[in-house]
Amino acid sequence: MTSLISSETRIKVSSVLNRDTTNYGKQNLIDGSAETCWNSEQGLPQNILLDFPSPVSVESIILQFQGGFAGKTCIAVGSTPESPNDYHVEIGRFYPQDINPTQTFNFTATEGLKRVKIIFEDGTDFYGRITIYKLDILGKKLFTSDSSISV
C-alpha cells in the first residue's frame, strides 16, 4: 500500500471556518505539519472530496482529528471514471474515536475509483464542526490501457 494523494490530486472541502482558507483551508490536510488543520464551518454533514489523476484502489483512510471536533458517523464513497459525479460505490462506513492520535480505517479494496468522498454525517462537536490535522488515503494506483508507453 502506498499513499494515493499526490500534487496532482485535487481536494475540495464542504466548508472552511469563517472562510479563512489561509489558516483552516484544505491544503492543511496534507501539508505534513502538526501545527495546521482543516476546520469546517458548523453544520452537518461535512465532507472532503478527493479527485485522483487516474483510477485507484482504496484500502485505508488515515485521519487525525482534534479531540472534541471529530467525525462520529462517517462513510467513504467513490465514483468511477465513467460516472465521476455518481458516488455509487460504497467504500465503507467507519466510526472514529473522539481522540487526538492518528486513526486508520481499513476497508476491503475498492478498485477503479476516480473520486473518493469522505462524508462526516455526525460529529462530536455540538455545532457540527470537524477539525482534521492529517488525511491520507492508502491503496494502489491502477493503470489503464491508455496509459501505455510507446517507444
N, C-alpha and C. Protein backbone atom coordinates (compact mmCIF):
# COMPACT_ATOMS: atom_id res chain seq x y z
N MET A 1 0.85 -1.19 0.00
CA MET A 1 0.00 0.00 0.00
C MET A 1 0.88 1.24 0.00
N THR A 2 0.40 2.21 -0.71
CA THR A 2 1.11 3.48 -0.80
C THR A 2 0.11 4.64 -0.72
N SER A 3 0.60 5.82 -0.43
CA SER A 3 -0.28 6.99 -0.39
C SER A 3 -0.77 7.28 -1.80
N LEU A 4 -2.05 7.52 -1.93
CA LEU A 4 -2.65 7.83 -3.23
C LEU A 4 -2.72 9.34 -3.48
N ILE A 5 -2.43 10.13 -2.46
CA ILE A 5 -2.50 11.57 -2.59
C ILE A 5 -1.18 12.11 -3.12
N SER A 6 -1.26 12.84 -4.22
CA SER A 6 -0.07 13.44 -4.83
C SER A 6 -0.37 14.91 -5.13
N SER A 7 0.61 15.59 -5.69
CA SER A 7 0.41 17.00 -6.06
C SER A 7 -0.64 17.15 -7.14
N GLU A 8 -0.95 16.07 -7.85
CA GLU A 8 -1.97 16.09 -8.90
C GLU A 8 -3.37 15.79 -8.39
N THR A 9 -3.49 15.38 -7.13
CA THR A 9 -4.80 15.09 -6.53
C THR A 9 -5.49 16.41 -6.20
N ARG A 10 -6.71 16.57 -6.70
CA ARG A 10 -7.49 17.76 -6.36
C ARG A 10 -8.33 17.46 -5.13
N ILE A 11 -8.35 18.40 -4.20
CA ILE A 11 -9.10 18.24 -2.96
C ILE A 11 -10.09 19.38 -2.84
N LYS A 12 -11.33 19.04 -2.47
CA LYS A 12 -12.36 20.04 -2.18
C LYS A 12 -12.94 19.71 -0.81
N VAL A 13 -13.34 20.73 -0.09
CA VAL A 13 -13.98 20.54 1.21
C VAL A 13 -15.33 21.26 1.21
N SER A 14 -16.22 20.80 2.05
CA SER A 14 -17.57 21.36 2.08
C SER A 14 -17.62 22.78 2.61
N SER A 15 -16.72 23.12 3.54
CA SER A 15 -16.70 24.48 4.10
C SER A 15 -15.38 24.70 4.81
N VAL A 16 -15.10 25.97 5.10
CA VAL A 16 -13.90 26.36 5.86
C VAL A 16 -14.34 27.38 6.91
N LEU A 17 -13.89 27.19 8.14
CA LEU A 17 -14.27 28.05 9.26
C LEU A 17 -14.02 29.52 8.92
N ASN A 18 -15.06 30.32 9.03
CA ASN A 18 -15.00 31.77 8.76
C ASN A 18 -14.42 32.10 7.39
N ARG A 19 -14.47 31.15 6.46
CA ARG A 19 -13.90 31.31 5.11
C ARG A 19 -12.43 31.69 5.15
N ASP A 20 -11.75 31.32 6.23
CA ASP A 20 -10.33 31.63 6.43
C ASP A 20 -9.49 30.49 5.84
N THR A 21 -9.36 30.49 4.51
CA THR A 21 -8.65 29.39 3.85
C THR A 21 -7.15 29.40 4.15
N THR A 22 -6.59 30.52 4.53
CA THR A 22 -5.17 30.58 4.86
C THR A 22 -4.87 29.75 6.10
N ASN A 23 -5.67 29.93 7.14
CA ASN A 23 -5.42 29.24 8.41
C ASN A 23 -6.11 27.88 8.53
N TYR A 24 -7.25 27.69 7.84
CA TYR A 24 -8.04 26.48 8.03
C TYR A 24 -8.40 25.77 6.74
N GLY A 25 -7.72 26.06 5.65
CA GLY A 25 -8.08 25.51 4.35
C GLY A 25 -7.68 24.08 4.11
N LYS A 26 -8.12 23.56 2.98
CA LYS A 26 -7.92 22.16 2.59
C LYS A 26 -6.45 21.78 2.45
N GLN A 27 -5.58 22.72 2.11
CA GLN A 27 -4.16 22.44 1.94
C GLN A 27 -3.54 21.92 3.24
N ASN A 28 -4.13 22.28 4.37
CA ASN A 28 -3.61 21.86 5.67
C ASN A 28 -3.85 20.39 5.97
N LEU A 29 -4.74 19.74 5.21
CA LEU A 29 -4.99 18.31 5.40
C LEU A 29 -3.77 17.46 5.06
N ILE A 30 -2.99 17.92 4.09
CA ILE A 30 -1.91 17.08 3.57
C ILE A 30 -0.54 17.75 3.61
N ASP A 31 -0.40 18.85 4.37
CA ASP A 31 0.88 19.57 4.38
C ASP A 31 1.94 18.96 5.30
N GLY A 32 1.56 17.95 6.09
CA GLY A 32 2.53 17.27 6.95
C GLY A 32 2.87 18.02 8.23
N SER A 33 2.24 19.15 8.48
CA SER A 33 2.53 19.93 9.68
C SER A 33 1.54 19.61 10.79
N ALA A 34 2.08 19.40 11.99
CA ALA A 34 1.23 19.14 13.15
C ALA A 34 0.59 20.43 13.67
N GLU A 35 0.99 21.57 13.13
CA GLU A 35 0.50 22.87 13.58
C GLU A 35 -0.69 23.39 12.79
N THR A 36 -1.00 22.77 11.64
CA THR A 36 -2.07 23.29 10.78
C THR A 36 -3.19 22.27 10.64
N CYS A 37 -4.39 22.76 10.32
CA CYS A 37 -5.54 21.86 10.21
C CYS A 37 -6.58 22.43 9.25
N TRP A 38 -7.47 21.53 8.78
CA TRP A 38 -8.70 21.96 8.12
C TRP A 38 -9.76 22.03 9.21
N ASN A 39 -10.48 23.13 9.25
CA ASN A 39 -11.55 23.30 10.22
C ASN A 39 -12.80 23.72 9.44
N SER A 40 -13.85 22.94 9.58
CA SER A 40 -15.09 23.24 8.85
C SER A 40 -15.91 24.29 9.58
N GLU A 41 -16.87 24.84 8.86
CA GLU A 41 -17.89 25.66 9.49
C GLU A 41 -18.79 24.74 10.31
N GLN A 42 -19.72 25.31 11.04
CA GLN A 42 -20.68 24.50 11.78
C GLN A 42 -21.72 23.92 10.84
N GLY A 43 -22.35 22.85 11.26
CA GLY A 43 -23.41 22.21 10.49
C GLY A 43 -22.95 20.91 9.86
N LEU A 44 -23.83 19.95 9.90
CA LEU A 44 -23.53 18.64 9.32
C LEU A 44 -24.52 18.34 8.21
N PRO A 45 -24.17 17.54 7.23
CA PRO A 45 -22.89 16.84 7.09
C PRO A 45 -21.81 17.76 6.53
N GLN A 46 -20.56 17.37 6.76
CA GLN A 46 -19.39 18.00 6.15
C GLN A 46 -18.73 16.92 5.30
N ASN A 47 -17.90 17.32 4.33
CA ASN A 47 -17.24 16.30 3.51
C ASN A 47 -15.93 16.78 2.94
N ILE A 48 -15.12 15.80 2.53
CA ILE A 48 -13.86 16.03 1.82
C ILE A 48 -13.96 15.21 0.54
N LEU A 49 -13.66 15.84 -0.58
CA LEU A 49 -13.69 15.17 -1.89
C LEU A 49 -12.29 15.15 -2.46
N LEU A 50 -11.84 13.96 -2.86
CA LEU A 50 -10.53 13.80 -3.49
C LEU A 50 -10.73 13.31 -4.91
N ASP A 51 -10.13 14.00 -5.86
CA ASP A 51 -10.22 13.67 -7.28
C ASP A 51 -8.82 13.26 -7.73
N PHE A 52 -8.64 11.99 -8.04
CA PHE A 52 -7.34 11.45 -8.39
C PHE A 52 -7.08 11.58 -9.89
N PRO A 53 -5.80 11.73 -10.29
CA PRO A 53 -5.48 11.89 -11.71
C PRO A 53 -5.74 10.63 -12.53
N SER A 54 -5.71 9.46 -11.90
CA SER A 54 -6.01 8.20 -12.58
C SER A 54 -6.69 7.27 -11.59
N PRO A 55 -7.33 6.20 -12.07
CA PRO A 55 -8.07 5.29 -11.18
C PRO A 55 -7.19 4.69 -10.08
N VAL A 56 -7.80 4.48 -8.93
CA VAL A 56 -7.10 3.94 -7.76
C VAL A 56 -7.90 2.83 -7.11
N SER A 57 -7.22 2.08 -6.27
CA SER A 57 -7.83 1.07 -5.42
C SER A 57 -7.63 1.54 -3.98
N VAL A 58 -8.71 1.80 -3.27
CA VAL A 58 -8.64 2.34 -1.91
C VAL A 58 -8.69 1.20 -0.90
N GLU A 59 -7.71 1.22 0.04
CA GLU A 59 -7.65 0.19 1.08
C GLU A 59 -7.76 0.75 2.49
N SER A 60 -7.27 1.99 2.71
CA SER A 60 -7.29 2.58 4.05
C SER A 60 -7.45 4.09 3.97
N ILE A 61 -8.06 4.64 5.01
CA ILE A 61 -8.14 6.09 5.20
C ILE A 61 -7.51 6.39 6.55
N ILE A 62 -6.61 7.36 6.56
CA ILE A 62 -5.94 7.78 7.79
C ILE A 62 -6.38 9.20 8.11
N LEU A 63 -6.84 9.41 9.34
CA LEU A 63 -7.31 10.72 9.79
C LEU A 63 -6.77 11.02 11.17
N GLN A 64 -6.45 12.28 11.39
CA GLN A 64 -6.10 12.75 12.73
C GLN A 64 -7.00 13.94 13.04
N PHE A 65 -7.92 13.74 13.96
CA PHE A 65 -8.87 14.77 14.37
C PHE A 65 -8.33 15.55 15.55
N GLN A 66 -8.93 16.69 15.82
CA GLN A 66 -8.75 17.37 17.09
C GLN A 66 -9.83 16.81 17.99
N GLY A 67 -9.46 16.33 19.17
CA GLY A 67 -10.44 15.81 20.10
C GLY A 67 -11.52 16.86 20.36
N GLY A 68 -12.77 16.41 20.38
CA GLY A 68 -13.90 17.31 20.56
C GLY A 68 -14.49 17.79 19.25
N PHE A 69 -13.75 17.58 18.15
CA PHE A 69 -14.19 18.03 16.82
C PHE A 69 -14.03 16.90 15.80
N ALA A 70 -14.33 15.70 16.24
CA ALA A 70 -14.15 14.52 15.39
C ALA A 70 -15.44 14.12 14.70
N GLY A 71 -15.28 13.42 13.59
CA GLY A 71 -16.43 12.78 12.98
C GLY A 71 -16.84 11.61 13.87
N LYS A 72 -18.11 11.35 13.96
CA LYS A 72 -18.59 10.25 14.79
C LYS A 72 -19.16 9.13 13.93
N THR A 73 -19.95 9.47 12.93
CA THR A 73 -20.51 8.54 11.97
C THR A 73 -20.07 9.01 10.60
N CYS A 74 -19.28 8.19 9.91
CA CYS A 74 -18.69 8.61 8.64
C CYS A 74 -18.89 7.52 7.59
N ILE A 75 -18.88 7.93 6.33
CA ILE A 75 -18.95 6.99 5.22
C ILE A 75 -18.02 7.49 4.12
N ALA A 76 -17.33 6.55 3.51
CA ALA A 76 -16.48 6.85 2.35
C ALA A 76 -17.15 6.22 1.14
N VAL A 77 -17.35 7.02 0.11
CA VAL A 77 -17.95 6.56 -1.14
C VAL A 77 -17.04 6.96 -2.29
N GLY A 78 -17.21 6.27 -3.41
CA GLY A 78 -16.37 6.56 -4.56
C GLY A 78 -17.16 6.58 -5.84
N SER A 79 -16.52 7.12 -6.87
CA SER A 79 -17.12 7.14 -8.20
C SER A 79 -16.08 6.64 -9.20
N THR A 80 -16.57 6.14 -10.30
CA THR A 80 -15.71 5.58 -11.34
C THR A 80 -15.45 6.63 -12.42
N PRO A 81 -14.43 6.41 -13.27
CA PRO A 81 -14.16 7.36 -14.36
C PRO A 81 -15.36 7.53 -15.30
N GLU A 82 -16.17 6.47 -15.46
CA GLU A 82 -17.34 6.54 -16.35
C GLU A 82 -18.45 7.40 -15.78
N SER A 83 -18.55 7.47 -14.45
CA SER A 83 -19.60 8.25 -13.77
C SER A 83 -18.97 9.04 -12.63
N PRO A 84 -18.14 10.06 -12.93
CA PRO A 84 -17.39 10.74 -11.88
C PRO A 84 -18.24 11.50 -10.86
N ASN A 85 -19.47 11.86 -11.20
CA ASN A 85 -20.32 12.60 -10.27
C ASN A 85 -21.37 11.74 -9.59
N ASP A 86 -21.29 10.44 -9.80
CA ASP A 86 -22.25 9.49 -9.21
C ASP A 86 -21.50 8.63 -8.20
N TYR A 87 -21.63 8.95 -6.92
CA TYR A 87 -20.90 8.24 -5.88
C TYR A 87 -21.67 6.98 -5.47
N HIS A 88 -21.66 5.99 -6.35
CA HIS A 88 -22.45 4.78 -6.15
C HIS A 88 -21.64 3.62 -5.56
N VAL A 89 -20.35 3.80 -5.38
CA VAL A 89 -19.51 2.74 -4.82
C VAL A 89 -19.27 3.04 -3.35
N GLU A 90 -19.79 2.18 -2.47
CA GLU A 90 -19.55 2.38 -1.04
C GLU A 90 -18.24 1.72 -0.67
N ILE A 91 -17.29 2.52 -0.20
CA ILE A 91 -16.01 2.00 0.27
C ILE A 91 -16.20 1.42 1.66
N GLY A 92 -16.91 2.15 2.51
CA GLY A 92 -17.22 1.63 3.84
C GLY A 92 -17.62 2.71 4.82
N ARG A 93 -18.31 2.27 5.86
CA ARG A 93 -18.67 3.14 6.97
C ARG A 93 -17.60 2.98 8.05
N PHE A 94 -17.36 4.06 8.80
CA PHE A 94 -16.41 3.96 9.90
C PHE A 94 -16.82 4.92 11.01
N TYR A 95 -16.34 4.63 12.20
CA TYR A 95 -16.78 5.33 13.39
C TYR A 95 -15.55 5.74 14.22
N PRO A 96 -14.99 6.92 13.92
CA PRO A 96 -13.78 7.35 14.63
C PRO A 96 -14.03 7.57 16.12
N GLN A 97 -12.94 7.47 16.88
CA GLN A 97 -12.99 7.81 18.29
C GLN A 97 -12.76 9.30 18.42
N ASP A 98 -13.25 9.88 19.50
CA ASP A 98 -13.08 11.32 19.75
C ASP A 98 -11.76 11.53 20.48
N ILE A 99 -10.66 11.32 19.74
CA ILE A 99 -9.32 11.42 20.31
C ILE A 99 -8.40 12.16 19.33
N ASN A 100 -7.24 12.60 19.83
CA ASN A 100 -6.27 13.32 19.01
C ASN A 100 -5.37 12.42 18.17
N PRO A 101 -4.94 11.25 18.63
CA PRO A 101 -4.00 10.45 17.84
C PRO A 101 -4.55 10.04 16.47
N THR A 102 -3.63 9.77 15.55
CA THR A 102 -3.98 9.32 14.20
C THR A 102 -4.76 8.01 14.27
N GLN A 103 -5.81 7.90 13.44
CA GLN A 103 -6.62 6.69 13.37
C GLN A 103 -6.61 6.17 11.93
N THR A 104 -6.53 4.85 11.79
CA THR A 104 -6.52 4.22 10.47
C THR A 104 -7.76 3.35 10.34
N PHE A 105 -8.45 3.51 9.21
CA PHE A 105 -9.67 2.75 8.93
C PHE A 105 -9.41 1.93 7.68
N ASN A 106 -9.46 0.60 7.83
CA ASN A 106 -9.17 -0.31 6.73
C ASN A 106 -10.45 -0.83 6.10
N PHE A 107 -10.39 -1.02 4.79
CA PHE A 107 -11.54 -1.48 4.02
C PHE A 107 -11.13 -2.58 3.07
N THR A 108 -12.11 -3.34 2.60
CA THR A 108 -11.86 -4.26 1.50
C THR A 108 -11.55 -3.40 0.28
N ALA A 109 -10.49 -3.74 -0.42
CA ALA A 109 -10.04 -2.92 -1.55
C ALA A 109 -11.18 -2.67 -2.54
N THR A 110 -11.36 -1.40 -2.89
CA THR A 110 -12.37 -0.99 -3.86
C THR A 110 -11.62 -0.42 -5.05
N GLU A 111 -11.68 -1.11 -6.19
CA GLU A 111 -10.85 -0.75 -7.34
C GLU A 111 -11.58 0.10 -8.36
N GLY A 112 -10.76 0.83 -9.13
CA GLY A 112 -11.28 1.58 -10.26
C GLY A 112 -11.96 2.88 -9.91
N LEU A 113 -11.56 3.51 -8.80
CA LEU A 113 -12.21 4.74 -8.38
C LEU A 113 -11.44 5.97 -8.87
N LYS A 114 -12.18 6.94 -9.36
CA LYS A 114 -11.59 8.20 -9.81
C LYS A 114 -11.69 9.26 -8.72
N ARG A 115 -12.78 9.21 -7.96
CA ARG A 115 -13.01 10.16 -6.87
C ARG A 115 -13.40 9.41 -5.60
N VAL A 116 -13.01 10.00 -4.47
CA VAL A 116 -13.39 9.48 -3.16
C VAL A 116 -13.97 10.64 -2.37
N LYS A 117 -15.12 10.40 -1.75
CA LYS A 117 -15.77 11.41 -0.92
C LYS A 117 -15.92 10.85 0.48
N ILE A 118 -15.37 11.56 1.45
CA ILE A 118 -15.49 11.19 2.86
C ILE A 118 -16.55 12.10 3.45
N ILE A 119 -17.63 11.51 3.94
CA ILE A 119 -18.75 12.28 4.46
C ILE A 119 -18.84 12.09 5.98
N PHE A 120 -18.83 13.20 6.69
CA PHE A 120 -18.98 13.19 8.14
C PHE A 120 -20.45 13.47 8.43
N GLU A 121 -21.20 12.39 8.64
CA GLU A 121 -22.65 12.51 8.83
C GLU A 121 -23.00 13.05 10.22
N ASP A 122 -22.19 12.70 11.21
CA ASP A 122 -22.41 13.13 12.58
C ASP A 122 -21.04 13.39 13.19
N GLY A 123 -20.99 14.29 14.16
CA GLY A 123 -19.72 14.63 14.79
C GLY A 123 -19.86 14.79 16.28
N THR A 124 -18.71 14.96 16.94
CA THR A 124 -18.71 15.08 18.40
C THR A 124 -18.90 16.51 18.87
N ASP A 125 -18.68 17.50 17.99
CA ASP A 125 -18.88 18.90 18.35
C ASP A 125 -20.37 19.23 18.31
N PHE A 126 -20.85 19.92 19.30
CA PHE A 126 -22.26 20.28 19.41
C PHE A 126 -22.74 21.05 18.18
N TYR A 127 -21.86 21.86 17.60
CA TYR A 127 -22.23 22.70 16.45
C TYR A 127 -21.94 22.05 15.10
N GLY A 128 -21.39 20.85 15.11
CA GLY A 128 -21.14 20.15 13.86
C GLY A 128 -19.86 20.53 13.15
N ARG A 129 -18.89 21.10 13.87
CA ARG A 129 -17.61 21.43 13.26
C ARG A 129 -16.69 20.21 13.27
N ILE A 130 -15.90 20.07 12.22
CA ILE A 130 -14.92 19.00 12.10
C ILE A 130 -13.54 19.65 11.97
N THR A 131 -12.56 19.12 12.73
CA THR A 131 -11.18 19.63 12.64
C THR A 131 -10.25 18.45 12.40
N ILE A 132 -9.50 18.52 11.28
CA ILE A 132 -8.60 17.43 10.90
C ILE A 132 -7.19 17.99 10.65
N TYR A 133 -6.21 17.35 11.29
CA TYR A 133 -4.80 17.74 11.14
C TYR A 133 -4.08 16.92 10.08
N LYS A 134 -4.59 15.73 9.82
CA LYS A 134 -3.90 14.86 8.87
C LYS A 134 -4.91 14.00 8.12
N LEU A 135 -4.69 13.86 6.81
CA LEU A 135 -5.50 12.98 5.96
C LEU A 135 -4.58 12.25 5.01
N ASP A 136 -4.79 10.97 4.86
CA ASP A 136 -4.11 10.20 3.82
C ASP A 136 -5.03 9.08 3.37
N ILE A 137 -4.90 8.70 2.13
CA ILE A 137 -5.63 7.58 1.55
C ILE A 137 -4.58 6.61 1.05
N LEU A 138 -4.67 5.36 1.50
CA LEU A 138 -3.70 4.34 1.09
C LEU A 138 -4.35 3.33 0.16
N GLY A 139 -3.56 2.81 -0.74
CA GLY A 139 -4.04 1.81 -1.68
C GLY A 139 -3.06 1.63 -2.81
N LYS A 140 -3.62 1.40 -4.01
CA LYS A 140 -2.79 1.19 -5.19
C LYS A 140 -3.30 2.07 -6.33
N LYS A 141 -2.35 2.58 -7.09
CA LYS A 141 -2.70 3.32 -8.30
C LYS A 141 -2.86 2.29 -9.40
N LEU A 142 -3.95 2.41 -10.15
CA LEU A 142 -4.22 1.45 -11.22
C LEU A 142 -3.85 2.09 -12.55
N PHE A 143 -3.39 1.27 -13.43
CA PHE A 143 -3.01 1.77 -14.75
C PHE A 143 -4.05 1.29 -15.76
N THR A 144 -4.48 2.20 -16.61
CA THR A 144 -5.48 1.87 -17.63
C THR A 144 -4.78 1.58 -18.94
N SER A 145 -5.52 1.03 -19.88
CA SER A 145 -4.94 0.66 -21.18
C SER A 145 -4.43 1.86 -21.95
N ASP A 146 -4.97 3.06 -21.69
CA ASP A 146 -4.50 4.24 -22.40
C ASP A 146 -3.29 4.86 -21.75
N SER A 147 -2.72 4.20 -20.72
CA SER A 147 -1.52 4.73 -20.08
C SER A 147 -0.28 3.95 -20.53
N SER A 148 -0.38 3.28 -21.66
CA SER A 148 0.76 2.52 -22.16
C SER A 148 1.84 3.44 -22.67
N ILE A 149 3.05 2.96 -22.63
CA ILE A 149 4.20 3.74 -23.07
C ILE A 149 4.62 3.27 -24.45
N SER A 150 4.80 4.21 -25.37
CA SER A 150 5.28 3.83 -26.69
C SER A 150 6.70 4.33 -26.87
N VAL A 151 7.52 3.51 -27.55
CA VAL A 151 8.93 3.86 -27.71
C VAL A 151 9.20 4.19 -29.17
